[in-house]
Protein backbone atom coordinates (compact mmCIF):
# COMPACT_ATOMS: atom_id res chain seq x y z
CA MET A 1 86.64 121.79 104.51
CA LYS A 2 89.32 123.37 102.34
CA PRO A 3 91.80 120.42 102.61
CA HIS A 4 88.98 118.06 101.71
CA MET A 5 88.17 120.07 98.59
CA LEU A 6 91.84 120.17 97.58
CA ASN A 7 92.12 116.41 97.99
CA CYS A 8 89.06 115.85 95.82
CA LEU A 9 90.38 118.23 93.18
CA GLY A 10 93.72 116.43 93.20
CA LEU A 11 92.02 113.07 92.72
CA LEU A 12 89.96 114.45 89.85
CA LEU A 13 93.06 115.78 88.08
CA LEU A 14 95.14 112.62 88.64
CA PRO A 15 94.02 110.84 85.44
CA LEU A 16 95.16 113.83 83.39
CA ALA A 17 98.72 113.38 84.65
CA ALA A 18 98.90 109.68 83.79
CA GLN A 19 100.89 108.75 80.72
CA ALA A 20 100.60 105.61 78.68
CA ILE A 21 103.52 103.19 78.61
CA GLU A 22 104.62 102.36 75.11
CA PRO A 23 104.06 98.70 74.22
CA GLY A 24 106.95 96.44 73.42
CA PRO A 25 110.19 95.45 75.06
CA SER A 26 112.07 98.05 77.05
CA SER A 27 115.50 96.51 76.44
CA PRO A 28 117.25 94.23 73.94
CA GLN A 29 117.41 91.49 76.56
CA GLN A 30 113.65 91.66 77.11
CA HIS A 31 113.11 91.50 73.35
CA HIS A 32 115.20 88.31 73.06
CA THR A 33 113.34 86.77 76.00
CA GLU A 34 109.96 87.56 74.46
CA VAL A 35 111.05 86.05 71.11
CA TRP A 36 112.13 82.81 72.84
CA LEU A 37 108.89 82.61 74.82
CA GLN A 38 106.82 83.13 71.67
CA MET A 39 108.71 80.39 69.81
CA GLN A 40 108.18 78.01 72.72
CA ALA A 41 104.48 78.83 72.92
CA ARG A 42 104.08 78.17 69.18
CA ASN A 43 105.99 74.86 69.50
CA GLN A 44 108.53 76.01 66.91
CA LEU A 45 111.56 74.72 68.81
CA ALA A 46 110.34 71.26 69.76
CA SER A 47 112.75 68.41 69.26
CA ASN A 48 112.05 65.90 66.50
CA HIS A 49 113.58 63.15 68.62
CA ALA A 50 111.69 61.57 71.52
CA GLN A 51 113.56 61.91 74.81
CA PRO A 52 112.17 59.21 77.08
CA ALA A 53 113.44 58.74 80.62
CA SER A 54 115.53 55.67 81.34
CA PRO A 55 114.10 52.99 83.66
CA GLY A 56 116.49 54.13 86.39
CA GLU A 57 115.36 57.75 86.08
CA ARG A 58 111.71 56.71 86.20
CA GLU A 59 112.35 54.61 89.31
CA LEU A 60 114.09 57.46 91.13
CA SER A 61 111.34 59.86 90.15
CA LEU A 62 108.65 57.50 91.42
CA GLN A 63 110.62 56.94 94.63
CA ARG A 64 110.85 60.72 95.31
CA TRP A 65 107.15 61.08 94.62
CA MET A 66 106.22 58.24 96.99
CA GLU A 67 108.46 59.65 99.75
CA SER A 68 106.64 62.98 99.52
CA PHE A 69 103.54 61.28 100.98
CA LYS A 70 105.40 60.31 104.19
CA HIS A 71 105.12 63.81 105.60
CA PRO A 72 101.75 64.70 107.13
CA ILE A 73 100.04 67.88 106.02
CA PRO A 74 99.73 70.15 109.08
CA GLU A 75 96.34 71.55 109.99
CA TYR A 76 97.86 75.02 110.34
CA TYR A 77 101.08 76.39 108.89
CA LYS A 78 103.34 78.28 111.26
CA GLU A 79 104.80 81.57 110.18
CA TYR A 80 108.49 81.65 110.81
CA SER A 81 110.39 84.84 111.47
CA THR A 82 113.45 85.50 109.32
CA GLY A 83 115.19 87.36 112.12
CA GLY A 84 114.90 90.34 114.31
CA LYS A 85 112.90 90.46 117.55
CA GLY A 86 111.34 87.48 119.27
CA LYS A 87 113.80 84.78 118.34
């Protein structure tokens, strides 16, 4: 009974020990990354020049896409081991 009461008391006091994490970047690198992501999301860095694909690039892209349909989708996926026992 006593361990059960101590566990309950510990769980009740747990929120009092939690501390809030300060908002914002934790490093200069994270700050730069967040700035770039915000500029991209706001479309501030979009190119003024259209960048269409060449006919050759479009043909290769279409060819890769069409070849992706040659492989059947298995009914079940096997889980493969990365090593260890049972090789």
